[in-house]
Amino acid sequence: MSEQSLQEFVTAAAERFGIPGAAAGVHVDGRAVYACHGVTSVENPLPVDEHTWFALGSVSKTFTATAVMRLVEHGRIDLDAPVRRYVPELVLADEDHAAAVTVRQLLNHTAGLGVRLVVETGDGDDALAGFVGHLDQIELIGAPGSRASYSQAGYNLLGRVLEKVTGLTFERAVAELALAPLGLHETAYFTDQVMTRRFACGHNADQDGTPVVARQWKDSRGNNPGGGIAATVADQLRWGRFHLGESELVKQMQTPTVDLRGSTLGDAFGVCWFLRDVDGTATVGHGGSGNGQFAELLIVPGRDFVVSVMSNGGPGGVAFNREVVQFALEHYLGVLDRDPEPVPYDHAQVAPIVGVYETEILTLTIRAEEGAQAPLLEVVIKPEIRAASEKEVPADYPPFPFGLLPGAGDEYIVTGGAMKGQRGFLTRDASGAVIGVDLAGRLFGRA
């Protein structure tokens, strides 16, 4: 496959999705292939290249997890030890829960913690300590180990584990345990490390669909473990190549620990990584998003293959990144990643799930009308969260059409809009009533 064809696809897809700038990299056949498009910012346009920095959002979790696993290798952290062995000050709304939760459960999102805690703890070295001090406010969605549900807050708590065990700040601990040993010189957490380099600004669309620069570049320091790292696509390929290795650390991180149901993200969690079978091929991956910036990293261990994509425009960034990954899999490996087809819309089948569901910061609403082509799913930031935020908050996406998948009718797929292709499932109580909706690995409970 020629480099030009990757470039042509990236350019065409970016223009179709209205992406101001993007960078894609593929490690294949022992070499790196890059395709870049557009500009860093519509206000100060500089060409994007493979050394342009993007904010990676939740791809950051792979660095936090790897640093923790380094300390497991060194015998300084026990995966099955209670978190309180390392962070004795941990307080949750339920004392038994706080005493029971383990490091392993934080790593594979089975700790029973809600998705996110909105709290501002500053940019000082005490930011994570301050964040952990507020964890008594986070929703507890189930007993530790009872189910998988993606948690940003859990990874921020892991960052505090790293600080307590090493005696370093979180960022310094990751630098010493992961970044420096691998020569990742284009990966960092702090904006003052990025501002002297070429970096991409996030963009969100205004009411006319025109990209507007997002003024908040990335999240606060207390969220660095779960979503605060920035990097170039060249460094992401280096990071991916490390996770192609045969070390025990890499193997352990890629071994399934808990099954996932009805998720686009994967069939199982390893240690942090989403593990997914694509067309009979085992893949390892993680995505991330921030304020108008989106990233995707996918590794195919059995084929010595890595693809990384970054883009700086919403709302199309998620769909754009996904299409580039699918293109790379098909054209370099012959691996087809196709969405399942939903069953025809049946209002009587959908009516019982109509309603409002929520997390601490988001509201998910399902609407359905007889005679419509499809039911609609809408996810918005709660008005009180938007009003209370001291930082810029991205605009909400328009509602997405979705369809139920064949089978018992408890799994669904988004069929249009910015989240097209995302899959999820319904949770029912003993009577069969729907009490929750999972989307992107997160549980929304019925309001």
Protein backbone atom coordinates (compact mmCIF):
# COMPACT_ATOMS: atom_id res chain seq x y z
CA MET A 1 0.00 0.00 0.00
CA SER A 2 1.48 3.36 -0.99
CA GLU A 3 1.94 6.28 1.37
CA GLN A 4 0.04 8.44 -1.07
CA SER A 5 -3.15 6.41 -0.69
CA LEU A 6 -3.14 6.89 3.09
CA GLN A 7 -2.60 10.60 2.54
CA GLU A 8 -5.43 10.78 0.04
CA PHE A 9 -7.82 9.02 2.42
CA VAL A 10 -6.91 11.24 5.40
CA THR A 11 -7.30 14.40 3.34
CA ALA A 12 -10.66 13.38 1.88
CA ALA A 13 -12.05 12.19 5.22
CA ALA A 14 -10.87 15.32 7.06
CA GLU A 15 -12.57 17.54 4.49
CA ARG A 16 -15.76 15.47 4.68
CA PHE A 17 -15.91 15.70 8.49
CA GLY A 18 -14.82 19.36 8.67
CA ILE A 19 -11.58 18.65 10.57
CA PRO A 20 -9.19 21.65 10.58
CA GLY A 21 -6.09 19.52 11.20
CA ALA A 22 -5.15 15.87 11.62
CA ALA A 23 -2.14 13.58 11.89
CA ALA A 24 -2.12 9.84 11.24
CA GLY A 25 0.75 7.41 11.61
CA VAL A 26 1.06 3.72 10.79
CA HIS A 27 3.83 1.34 11.85
CA VAL A 28 3.81 -1.49 9.31
CA ASP A 29 6.47 -3.76 7.83
CA GLY A 30 9.05 -2.26 10.18
CA ARG A 31 8.60 1.30 8.93
CA ALA A 32 6.55 4.37 9.79
CA VAL A 33 4.09 5.92 7.33
CA TYR A 34 2.60 9.35 8.07
CA ALA A 35 -0.28 11.32 6.60
CA CYS A 36 -1.06 14.82 7.85
CA HIS A 37 -3.71 17.32 6.89
CA GLY A 38 -4.64 20.90 7.51
CA VAL A 39 -3.64 23.36 10.18
CA THR A 40 -3.02 23.64 13.90
CA SER A 41 -5.53 26.46 14.36
CA VAL A 42 -7.95 28.40 12.19
CA GLU A 43 -6.77 31.59 13.94
CA ASN A 44 -3.02 31.00 13.58
CA PRO A 45 -2.77 28.37 10.84
CA LEU A 46 0.42 26.34 10.75
CA PRO A 47 0.69 23.07 8.83
CA VAL A 48 0.18 19.90 10.87
CA ASP A 49 3.00 17.35 10.64
CA GLU A 50 4.00 14.20 12.52
CA HIS A 51 5.71 16.33 15.18
CA THR A 52 2.65 18.48 15.96
CA TRP A 53 1.45 18.03 19.54
CA PHE A 54 -2.17 17.11 20.28
CA ALA A 55 -3.95 16.65 23.62
CA LEU A 56 -4.70 12.91 23.84
CA GLY A 57 -7.49 12.80 26.43
CA SER A 58 -8.03 9.30 27.78
CA VAL A 59 -5.16 7.71 25.84
CA SER A 60 -3.33 9.15 28.88
CA LYS A 61 -4.65 6.23 30.92
CA THR A 62 -2.31 3.84 29.09
CA PHE A 63 0.68 5.79 30.45
CA THR A 64 -0.69 5.79 34.01
CA ALA A 65 -1.37 2.06 33.85
CA THR A 66 2.06 1.26 32.41
CA ALA A 67 3.78 3.28 35.15
CA VAL A 68 1.78 1.40 37.80
CA MET A 69 2.72 -1.91 36.20
CA ARG A 70 6.40 -0.91 36.27
CA LEU A 71 6.08 -0.62 40.04
CA VAL A 72 4.27 -3.96 40.16
CA GLU A 73 7.27 -5.44 38.32
CA HIS A 74 9.58 -3.92 40.92
CA GLY A 75 7.54 -5.36 43.80
CA ARG A 76 6.49 -1.94 45.06
CA ILE A 77 2.77 -2.31 44.26
CA ASP A 78 0.57 -5.37 44.77
CA LEU A 79 -2.27 -5.45 42.24
CA ASP A 80 -4.65 -7.14 44.66
CA ALA A 81 -3.81 -4.95 47.63
CA PRO A 82 -6.48 -2.53 48.82
CA VAL A 83 -5.89 0.97 47.51
CA ARG A 84 -5.81 2.18 51.11
CA ARG A 85 -2.49 0.39 51.61
CA TYR A 86 -1.01 3.16 49.45
CA VAL A 87 -3.55 5.96 49.92
CA PRO A 88 -4.76 5.51 53.50
CA GLU A 89 -6.64 8.80 53.43
CA LEU A 90 -9.10 7.52 50.80
CA VAL A 91 -12.71 8.17 51.81
CA LEU A 92 -15.74 7.19 49.72
CA ALA A 93 -19.44 7.57 50.44
CA ASP A 94 -19.48 3.96 51.68
CA GLU A 95 -16.77 2.87 54.14
CA ASP A 96 -16.88 -0.81 53.17
CA HIS A 97 -16.44 0.13 49.53
CA ALA A 98 -13.45 2.33 50.31
CA ALA A 99 -11.81 -0.41 52.36
CA ALA A 100 -12.35 -3.12 49.74
CA VAL A 101 -11.39 -1.54 46.41
CA THR A 102 -8.08 -2.79 44.98
CA VAL A 103 -5.44 -1.46 42.62
CA ARG A 104 -6.37 -4.06 39.99
CA GLN A 105 -10.01 -2.93 40.10
CA LEU A 106 -8.97 0.66 39.38
CA LEU A 107 -6.84 -0.51 36.46
CA ASN A 108 -9.63 -2.51 34.78
CA HIS A 109 -12.52 -0.19 35.66
CA THR A 110 -14.25 -2.59 38.05
CA ALA A 111 -13.82 -0.44 41.17
CA GLY A 112 -17.48 0.58 41.18
CA LEU A 113 -16.70 4.30 40.89
CA GLY A 114 -18.70 6.73 38.78
CA VAL A 115 -17.27 8.16 35.59
CA ARG A 116 -16.02 11.52 36.69
CA LEU A 117 -15.87 14.02 39.52
CA VAL A 118 -16.05 17.69 38.56
CA VAL A 119 -13.85 19.52 41.02
CA GLU A 120 -11.13 22.14 40.55
CA THR A 121 -8.03 21.55 42.69
CA GLY A 122 -5.58 23.91 41.05
CA ASP A 123 -2.32 23.44 39.20
CA GLY A 124 -0.02 22.90 42.18
CA ASP A 125 1.77 19.72 43.18
CA ASP A 126 -1.11 19.02 45.60
CA ALA A 127 -3.72 18.83 42.80
CA LEU A 128 -4.15 15.04 42.98
CA ALA A 129 -4.20 15.01 46.76
CA GLY A 130 -6.96 17.59 46.58
CA PHE A 131 -8.87 15.54 44.01
CA VAL A 132 -8.72 12.42 46.19
CA GLY A 133 -9.96 14.51 49.11
CA HIS A 134 -13.23 15.02 47.25
CA LEU A 135 -13.85 11.37 46.30
CA ASP A 136 -16.41 11.00 49.09
CA GLN A 137 -18.69 12.88 46.65
CA ILE A 138 -18.44 10.44 43.73
CA GLU A 139 -21.30 8.14 42.83
CA LEU A 140 -20.77 4.46 43.63
CA ILE A 141 -22.39 2.36 40.92
CA GLY A 142 -21.81 -1.13 42.30
CA ALA A 143 -19.71 -3.19 44.67
CA PRO A 144 -15.98 -3.43 43.83
CA GLY A 145 -15.45 -6.16 41.24
CA SER A 146 -19.15 -6.54 40.40
CA ARG A 147 -19.08 -5.01 36.90
CA ALA A 148 -16.95 -2.99 34.49
CA SER A 149 -17.76 0.69 34.08
CA TYR A 150 -15.26 3.20 32.74
CA SER A 151 -14.02 5.68 35.35
CA GLN A 152 -11.85 8.75 34.87
CA ALA A 153 -11.92 9.25 38.63
CA GLY A 154 -10.48 5.79 39.22
CA TYR A 155 -7.44 6.62 37.09
CA ASN A 156 -6.91 9.91 38.86
CA LEU A 157 -6.86 7.91 42.09
CA LEU A 158 -4.23 5.64 40.52
CA GLY A 159 -2.16 8.77 39.90
CA ARG A 160 -2.21 9.44 43.63
CA VAL A 161 -1.11 5.82 44.24
CA LEU A 162 1.93 6.54 42.05
CA GLU A 163 2.70 9.69 44.01
CA LYS A 164 2.48 7.99 47.38
CA VAL A 165 4.60 4.98 46.37
CA THR A 166 7.35 6.94 44.58
CA GLY A 167 7.40 10.14 46.63
CA LEU A 168 7.34 12.06 43.33
CA THR A 169 4.69 14.11 41.63
CA PHE A 170 2.55 12.04 39.30
CA GLU A 171 4.01 13.64 36.20
CA ARG A 172 7.61 13.09 37.34
CA ALA A 173 6.83 9.47 38.25
CA VAL A 174 5.46 8.74 34.76
CA ALA A 175 8.41 10.53 33.16
CA GLU A 176 10.91 8.38 35.08
CA LEU A 177 9.01 5.09 34.78
CA ALA A 178 7.79 5.32 31.17
CA LEU A 179 8.67 8.39 29.11
CA ALA A 180 12.41 8.69 29.67
CA PRO A 181 13.24 4.95 29.35
CA LEU A 182 11.49 4.84 25.97
CA GLY A 183 12.90 8.10 24.64
CA LEU A 184 9.48 9.74 24.35
CA HIS A 185 10.68 13.32 24.01
CA GLU A 186 7.49 14.50 22.35
CA THR A 187 5.16 13.47 25.17
CA ALA A 188 4.40 15.59 28.25
CA TYR A 189 1.69 16.81 30.63
CA PHE A 190 2.33 20.51 31.16
CA THR A 191 1.38 23.25 28.72
CA ASP A 192 4.65 25.06 29.38
CA GLN A 193 6.43 21.99 27.97
CA VAL A 194 4.24 22.15 24.86
CA MET A 195 3.95 25.88 24.18
CA THR A 196 7.42 26.16 22.61
CA ARG A 197 6.55 23.41 20.09
CA ARG A 198 4.04 23.27 17.26
CA PHE A 199 0.74 22.20 18.80
CA ALA A 200 -2.84 21.78 17.60
CA CYS A 201 -5.67 23.78 19.12
CA GLY A 202 -9.00 22.06 19.57
CA HIS A 203 -12.00 23.31 17.62
CA ASN A 204 -15.74 23.06 18.17
CA ALA A 205 -18.34 23.92 15.55
CA ASP A 206 -20.51 27.00 16.00
CA GLN A 207 -24.21 27.09 15.07
CA ASP A 208 -23.30 27.39 11.40
CA GLY A 209 -20.88 24.47 11.56
CA THR A 210 -17.82 26.72 11.33
CA PRO A 211 -14.81 25.53 13.41
CA VAL A 212 -14.10 27.84 16.36
CA VAL A 213 -10.96 27.54 18.49
CA ALA A 214 -11.54 25.93 21.90
CA ARG A 215 -9.86 28.18 24.46
CA GLN A 216 -9.23 25.51 27.10
CA TRP A 217 -6.45 23.38 25.67
CA LYS A 218 -6.78 20.44 28.05
CA ASP A 219 -8.20 19.45 31.42
CA SER A 220 -6.97 20.48 34.89
CA ARG A 221 -3.94 18.96 36.60
CA GLY A 222 -6.07 16.84 38.93
CA ASN A 223 -7.23 14.97 35.81
CA ASN A 224 -3.74 14.36 34.38
CA PRO A 225 -3.67 10.62 35.18
CA GLY A 226 -6.96 10.01 33.42
CA GLY A 227 -6.72 12.47 30.57
CA GLY A 228 -3.92 15.02 30.69
CA ILE A 229 -1.09 13.91 28.43
CA ALA A 230 -0.11 15.47 25.09
CA ALA A 231 2.03 13.94 22.37
CA THR A 232 2.85 13.81 18.68
CA VAL A 233 1.81 11.03 16.34
CA ALA A 234 5.49 10.11 15.92
CA ASP A 235 5.79 9.51 19.68
CA GLN A 236 2.50 7.61 19.73
CA LEU A 237 3.95 5.15 17.23
CA ARG A 238 6.97 4.71 19.52
CA TRP A 239 4.60 4.12 22.44
CA GLY A 240 2.63 1.61 20.39
CA ARG A 241 5.81 -0.22 19.37
CA PHE A 242 6.72 -0.67 23.03
CA HIS A 243 3.35 -2.34 23.57
CA LEU A 244 4.06 -4.67 20.65
CA GLY A 245 6.83 -6.17 22.76
CA GLU A 246 7.06 -9.55 24.44
CA SER A 247 7.79 -8.41 28.00
CA GLU A 248 5.77 -9.83 30.88
CA LEU A 249 4.47 -6.33 31.61
CA VAL A 250 3.10 -6.00 28.08
CA LYS A 251 1.61 -9.50 28.10
CA GLN A 252 -0.09 -8.93 31.44
CA MET A 253 -1.60 -5.64 30.28
CA GLN A 254 -3.01 -7.37 27.17
CA THR A 255 -4.50 -10.36 29.01
CA PRO A 256 -8.30 -10.13 29.43
CA THR A 257 -9.37 -9.36 32.99
CA VAL A 258 -13.09 -8.65 32.61
CA ASP A 259 -15.49 -9.11 29.71
CA LEU A 260 -17.24 -6.17 28.09
CA ARG A 261 -20.68 -6.49 26.59
CA GLY A 262 -22.05 -4.68 23.55
CA SER A 263 -19.24 -2.14 23.33
CA THR A 264 -17.54 -0.64 20.28
CA LEU A 265 -14.54 -0.12 22.51
CA GLY A 266 -13.74 -3.76 23.04
CA ASP A 267 -14.71 -7.27 24.01
CA ALA A 268 -12.78 -7.11 27.28
CA PHE A 269 -10.56 -4.96 29.44
CA GLY A 270 -6.99 -6.04 29.96
CA VAL A 271 -5.04 -3.79 32.30
CA CYS A 272 -6.37 -0.48 30.99
CA TRP A 273 -6.38 -1.55 27.33
CA PHE A 274 -9.56 -2.33 25.42
CA LEU A 275 -9.13 -5.76 23.81
CA ARG A 276 -11.18 -6.43 20.68
CA ASP A 277 -11.40 -9.12 18.04
CA VAL A 278 -11.69 -7.48 14.63
CA ASP A 279 -12.37 -9.84 11.74
CA GLY A 280 -10.63 -12.66 13.61
CA THR A 281 -7.63 -10.48 14.53
CA ALA A 282 -6.77 -9.58 18.13
CA THR A 283 -6.35 -5.83 18.67
CA VAL A 284 -5.37 -3.68 21.64
CA GLY A 285 -6.45 -0.06 21.78
CA HIS A 286 -7.56 3.09 23.56
CA GLY A 287 -9.16 6.32 22.46
CA GLY A 288 -9.44 9.75 23.98
CA SER A 289 -11.20 13.08 23.59
CA GLY A 290 -11.01 16.53 25.06
CA ASN A 291 -12.20 20.01 24.20
CA GLY A 292 -12.26 19.74 20.40
CA GLN A 293 -9.37 17.25 20.25
CA PHE A 294 -9.60 13.51 19.60
CA ALA A 295 -7.08 10.65 19.57
CA GLU A 296 -7.07 6.94 18.76
CA LEU A 297 -4.34 4.36 19.21
CA LEU A 298 -4.72 0.77 17.99
CA ILE A 299 -2.13 -2.02 18.20
CA VAL A 300 -2.22 -5.41 16.44
CA PRO A 301 0.36 -7.49 18.34
CA GLY A 302 0.22 -10.50 16.03
CA ARG A 303 0.94 -8.39 12.95
CA ASP A 304 3.58 -5.94 14.25
CA PHE A 305 1.17 -3.10 13.47
CA VAL A 306 0.28 0.22 15.11
CA VAL A 307 -2.00 3.01 13.93
CA SER A 308 -2.36 6.37 15.66
CA VAL A 309 -4.73 9.15 14.63
CA MET A 310 -5.22 12.63 16.11
CA SER A 311 -7.62 15.34 15.00
CA ASN A 312 -8.57 18.79 16.23
CA GLY A 313 -12.20 19.29 15.25
CA GLY A 314 -15.55 18.43 16.78
CA PRO A 315 -18.11 17.11 16.38
CA GLY A 316 -16.63 14.92 13.61
CA GLY A 317 -13.35 13.97 15.28
CA VAL A 318 -14.45 10.63 16.73
CA ALA A 319 -15.98 9.41 13.47
CA PHE A 320 -13.01 10.69 11.44
CA ASN A 321 -10.46 8.92 13.63
CA ARG A 322 -12.47 5.71 13.49
CA GLU A 323 -12.66 5.75 9.70
CA VAL A 324 -8.89 6.30 9.39
CA VAL A 325 -8.24 3.34 11.71
CA GLN A 326 -10.64 1.17 9.73
CA PHE A 327 -8.95 2.22 6.48
CA ALA A 328 -5.50 1.38 7.84
CA LEU A 329 -6.62 -2.05 9.07
CA GLU A 330 -8.19 -2.93 5.76
CA HIS A 331 -5.57 -1.58 3.40
CA TYR A 332 -2.42 -2.61 5.25
CA LEU A 333 -3.59 -5.83 6.90
CA GLY A 334 -6.69 -6.88 4.97
CA VAL A 335 -8.68 -6.74 8.23
CA LEU A 336 -12.27 -5.53 7.82
CA ASP A 337 -13.92 -3.66 10.70
CA ARG A 338 -17.63 -3.47 9.87
CA ASP A 339 -20.56 -2.34 12.01
CA PRO A 340 -23.37 -4.83 12.68
CA GLU A 341 -26.75 -4.05 11.12
CA PRO A 342 -29.61 -3.14 13.48
CA VAL A 343 -33.04 -4.71 13.20
CA PRO A 344 -35.84 -2.60 11.64
CA TYR A 345 -37.33 -0.04 14.01
CA ASP A 346 -40.20 -1.47 16.06
CA HIS A 347 -41.78 1.16 18.30
CA ALA A 348 -43.25 -1.41 20.68
CA GLN A 349 -39.78 -2.89 21.24
CA VAL A 350 -38.17 0.50 21.90
CA ALA A 351 -40.94 2.10 23.97
CA PRO A 352 -39.95 0.46 27.30
CA ILE A 353 -36.48 2.03 27.17
CA VAL A 354 -37.68 5.56 26.46
CA GLY A 355 -36.68 7.85 29.30
CA VAL A 356 -33.91 9.78 31.00
CA TYR A 357 -30.67 8.26 32.29
CA GLU A 358 -27.73 10.01 33.92
CA THR A 359 -24.22 10.03 35.33
CA GLU A 360 -22.84 12.69 37.67
CA ILE A 361 -22.28 15.12 34.79
CA LEU A 362 -24.24 13.83 31.79
CA THR A 363 -27.88 13.20 30.94
CA LEU A 364 -28.79 10.58 28.34
CA THR A 365 -32.32 10.80 26.93
CA ILE A 366 -33.96 8.21 24.67
CA ARG A 367 -36.92 9.36 22.56
CA ALA A 368 -39.05 7.34 20.18
CA GLU A 369 -42.11 8.15 18.09
CA GLU A 370 -44.33 5.81 16.15
CA GLY A 371 -43.80 6.25 12.44
CA ALA A 372 -40.28 7.65 12.84
CA GLN A 373 -37.40 6.10 10.93
CA ALA A 374 -35.38 5.49 14.11
CA PRO A 375 -35.40 6.31 17.82
CA LEU A 376 -33.08 9.05 19.06
CA LEU A 377 -30.44 9.08 21.77
CA GLU A 378 -29.23 12.41 23.15
CA VAL A 379 -26.32 12.96 25.56
CA VAL A 380 -25.85 16.44 27.06
CA ILE A 381 -23.85 17.98 29.88
CA LYS A 382 -26.12 18.76 32.83
CA PRO A 383 -27.01 22.48 32.96
CA GLU A 384 -25.83 22.81 36.57
CA ILE A 385 -22.44 21.33 35.65
CA ARG A 386 -22.10 23.65 32.67
CA ALA A 387 -23.10 26.67 34.78
CA ALA A 388 -20.73 25.80 37.64
CA SER A 389 -17.69 25.05 35.49
CA GLU A 390 -14.84 27.54 35.69
CA LYS A 391 -13.43 26.09 32.46
CA GLU A 392 -14.69 26.10 28.90
CA VAL A 393 -17.20 23.29 28.30
CA PRO A 394 -17.66 21.83 24.78
CA ALA A 395 -21.03 22.21 23.08
CA ASP A 396 -23.45 19.30 23.23
CA TYR A 397 -23.90 17.07 20.18
CA PRO A 398 -27.24 16.86 18.36
CA PRO A 399 -29.28 13.68 19.07
CA PHE A 400 -28.11 10.44 17.41
CA PRO A 401 -30.36 7.93 15.65
CA PHE A 402 -29.81 4.39 16.88
CA GLY A 403 -31.12 0.88 16.34
CA LEU A 404 -31.41 -2.28 18.41
CA LEU A 405 -29.20 -5.18 17.35
CA PRO A 406 -30.41 -8.73 16.63
CA GLY A 407 -30.88 -10.96 19.65
CA ALA A 408 -32.65 -10.22 22.90
CA GLY A 409 -32.95 -6.52 22.03
CA ASP A 410 -30.64 -5.37 24.81
CA GLU A 411 -27.78 -4.20 22.59
CA TYR A 412 -27.86 -1.22 20.27
CA ILE A 413 -25.74 0.75 17.79
CA VAL A 414 -25.69 4.46 16.94
CA THR A 415 -26.46 4.71 13.23
CA GLY A 416 -25.75 8.37 12.49
CA GLY A 417 -24.24 11.61 13.72
CA ALA A 418 -20.93 12.26 15.40
CA MET A 419 -21.04 9.00 17.39
CA LYS A 420 -21.98 6.74 14.48
CA GLY A 421 -20.88 3.16 15.08
CA GLN A 422 -20.78 3.45 18.88
CA ARG A 423 -22.41 0.45 20.56
CA GLY A 424 -23.93 -0.05 23.98
CA PHE A 425 -26.37 -2.18 25.95
CA LEU A 426 -29.23 -2.03 28.42
CA THR A 427 -29.19 -3.16 32.05
CA ARG A 428 -32.37 -4.66 33.49
CA ASP A 429 -33.50 -5.47 37.02
CA ALA A 430 -34.91 -8.84 38.10
CA SER A 431 -38.35 -7.90 36.76
CA GLY A 432 -36.95 -7.08 33.33
CA ALA A 433 -37.34 -3.31 33.64
CA VAL A 434 -34.54 -1.25 32.08
CA ILE A 435 -32.62 0.53 34.83
CA GLY A 436 -29.49 1.61 32.96
CA VAL A 437 -27.93 2.30 29.59
CA ASP A 438 -24.25 1.72 28.84
CA LEU A 439 -22.59 3.97 26.26
CA ALA A 440 -18.84 4.16 25.60
CA GLY A 441 -18.21 1.88 28.57
CA ARG A 442 -20.08 4.17 30.98
CA LEU A 443 -23.23 3.28 32.90
CA PHE A 444 -26.08 5.81 32.84
CA GLY A 445 -28.65 4.97 35.54
CA ARG A 446 -32.34 5.63 34.96
CA ALA A 447 -33.26 8.97 36.52
